[in-house]
Amino acid sequence: MEKRSRDDETRLSTGVPGGRASLVPGVAPRGWTQPGMRLDVYLTKTGLIKHRADAKVACDRGAVTLDGLEVKPARRVCEGQRIRILYPRRVLEVEVMGIPEGPVRKSERTDYYRVLEERRRDWDA
């Protein structure tokens, strides 16, 4: 019987030489990028929230939901998903229509989302 080293075992089980990149759940191998864009970056590039720090705080406090789920600011956003934002005085729900590649002009920001619902925030509910 042939003796295998630990490095051989991880390479065989993960398909990656050294196997380290794939041993950690949720971590992509080096050089691989996930589709979409971070939620906090998307919110600022499209102008839905003015500053990225504010977008991060809003996500952390649960004021932003993605497809009905409270998510962290690093969550990836893809086309077709729905974002609901609870502002202090209003509620806005949008559908993601596109992901910007770089900086976006103010006049083009609305091309990347479609407003599904916009209403005054009900404080009694």
Protein backbone atom coordinates (compact mmCIF):
# COMPACT_ATOMS: atom_id res chain seq x y z
CA MET A 1 0.00 0.00 0.00
CA GLU A 2 1.32 3.42 -0.98
CA LYS A 3 1.73 5.95 1.80
CA ARG A 4 0.26 9.41 1.18
CA SER A 5 1.21 12.68 2.81
CA ARG A 6 -1.31 15.15 4.25
CA ASP A 7 -0.67 17.47 1.31
CA ASP A 8 -1.53 14.69 -1.13
CA GLU A 9 -4.76 14.00 0.76
CA THR A 10 -5.92 17.61 0.60
CA ARG A 11 -5.00 17.91 -3.07
CA LEU A 12 -6.97 14.77 -3.89
CA SER A 13 -10.03 15.81 -1.88
CA THR A 14 -10.16 19.43 -3.05
CA GLY A 15 -8.64 19.32 -6.52
CA VAL A 16 -6.39 22.25 -5.61
CA PRO A 17 -2.65 21.79 -5.14
CA GLY A 18 -2.05 22.30 -1.44
CA GLY A 19 -5.82 22.26 -0.98
CA ARG A 20 -5.81 25.20 1.38
CA ALA A 21 -8.06 27.57 -0.57
CA SER A 22 -10.97 25.16 -0.66
CA LEU A 23 -10.65 23.80 2.86
CA VAL A 24 -12.30 26.87 4.37
CA PRO A 25 -16.07 26.88 3.75
CA GLY A 26 -17.34 29.99 1.99
CA VAL A 27 -13.89 31.05 0.75
CA ALA A 28 -13.35 31.01 -2.98
CA PRO A 29 -10.09 29.79 -4.50
CA ARG A 30 -7.58 32.51 -5.37
CA GLY A 31 -8.35 34.22 -8.66
CA TRP A 32 -12.05 33.30 -8.61
CA THR A 33 -14.57 36.12 -8.28
CA GLN A 34 -18.18 35.86 -7.26
CA PRO A 35 -20.84 37.30 -9.57
CA GLY A 36 -22.55 40.56 -8.71
CA MET A 37 -21.47 43.38 -6.43
CA ARG A 38 -21.37 43.94 -2.67
CA LEU A 39 -24.71 45.25 -1.38
CA ASP A 40 -23.23 48.32 0.33
CA VAL A 41 -21.28 49.26 -2.81
CA TYR A 42 -24.37 48.79 -5.00
CA LEU A 43 -26.47 51.02 -2.73
CA THR A 44 -23.93 53.85 -2.90
CA LYS A 45 -23.12 53.58 -6.63
CA THR A 46 -26.80 53.72 -7.53
CA GLY A 47 -27.46 56.58 -5.11
CA LEU A 48 -30.00 54.71 -2.99
CA ILE A 49 -27.85 55.53 0.06
CA LYS A 50 -25.41 58.42 -0.04
CA HIS A 51 -22.36 57.02 1.76
CA ARG A 52 -20.97 53.49 1.92
CA ALA A 53 -20.52 53.76 5.70
CA ASP A 54 -24.24 54.63 6.00
CA ALA A 55 -25.12 51.64 3.81
CA LYS A 56 -23.05 49.37 6.04
CA VAL A 57 -24.75 50.68 9.20
CA ALA A 58 -28.19 50.31 7.60
CA CYS A 59 -27.46 46.68 6.69
CA ASP A 60 -26.07 45.93 10.16
CA ARG A 61 -29.21 47.39 11.80
CA GLY A 62 -31.57 45.42 9.58
CA ALA A 63 -32.93 48.43 7.66
CA VAL A 64 -31.94 46.80 4.33
CA THR A 65 -33.31 43.46 3.19
CA LEU A 66 -32.43 41.46 0.09
CA ASP A 67 -35.24 39.23 -1.18
CA GLY A 68 -36.93 39.56 2.22
CA LEU A 69 -33.88 38.53 4.26
CA GLU A 70 -31.73 40.71 6.49
CA VAL A 71 -28.22 40.49 5.08
CA LYS A 72 -24.72 41.71 5.80
CA PRO A 73 -23.22 44.54 3.73
CA ALA A 74 -20.81 42.15 1.98
CA ARG A 75 -23.64 40.06 0.50
CA ARG A 76 -23.52 39.90 -3.31
CA VAL A 77 -26.33 41.50 -5.31
CA CYS A 78 -27.35 40.14 -8.73
CA GLU A 79 -29.89 41.18 -11.34
CA GLY A 80 -33.49 40.35 -10.55
CA GLN A 81 -33.13 40.54 -6.77
CA ARG A 82 -35.30 42.84 -4.64
CA ILE A 83 -33.93 45.31 -2.13
CA ARG A 84 -36.10 46.93 0.55
CA ILE A 85 -34.73 49.96 2.39
CA LEU A 86 -36.33 51.40 5.50
CA TYR A 87 -35.45 55.10 5.53
CA PRO A 88 -36.44 57.22 8.55
CA ARG A 89 -39.53 58.57 6.79
CA ARG A 90 -40.20 56.23 3.90
CA VAL A 91 -39.96 52.66 2.65
CA LEU A 92 -38.46 51.94 -0.76
CA GLU A 93 -38.46 48.61 -2.56
CA VAL A 94 -36.51 48.24 -5.80
CA GLU A 95 -35.62 45.48 -8.22
CA VAL A 96 -32.01 45.26 -9.39
CA MET A 97 -31.97 45.77 -13.16
CA GLY A 98 -28.20 45.82 -13.66
CA ILE A 99 -24.84 45.90 -11.92
CA PRO A 100 -22.67 48.97 -12.62
CA GLU A 101 -19.14 48.28 -13.86
CA GLY A 102 -17.55 51.46 -12.54
CA PRO A 103 -18.52 54.95 -11.40
CA VAL A 104 -22.09 55.90 -12.36
CA ARG A 105 -23.31 59.36 -13.35
CA LYS A 106 -26.25 60.73 -11.40
CA SER A 107 -28.35 60.85 -14.56
CA GLU A 108 -27.73 57.11 -15.20
CA ARG A 109 -28.25 55.77 -11.66
CA THR A 110 -31.91 54.90 -12.14
CA ASP A 111 -31.01 52.64 -15.08
CA TYR A 112 -29.70 50.07 -12.59
CA TYR A 113 -32.91 49.64 -10.56
CA ARG A 114 -36.68 49.78 -10.94
CA VAL A 115 -38.88 51.15 -8.14
CA LEU A 116 -41.50 48.59 -7.11
CA GLU A 117 -42.88 50.36 -4.06
CA GLU A 118 -42.35 53.74 -2.44
CA ARG A 119 -44.48 54.92 0.44
CA ARG A 120 -44.40 56.95 3.61
CA ARG A 121 -43.19 55.00 6.58
CA ASP A 122 -45.96 53.91 8.91
CA TRP A 123 -44.73 54.41 12.48
CA ASP A 124 -47.78 52.76 14.08
CA ALA A 125 -47.08 49.35 12.57
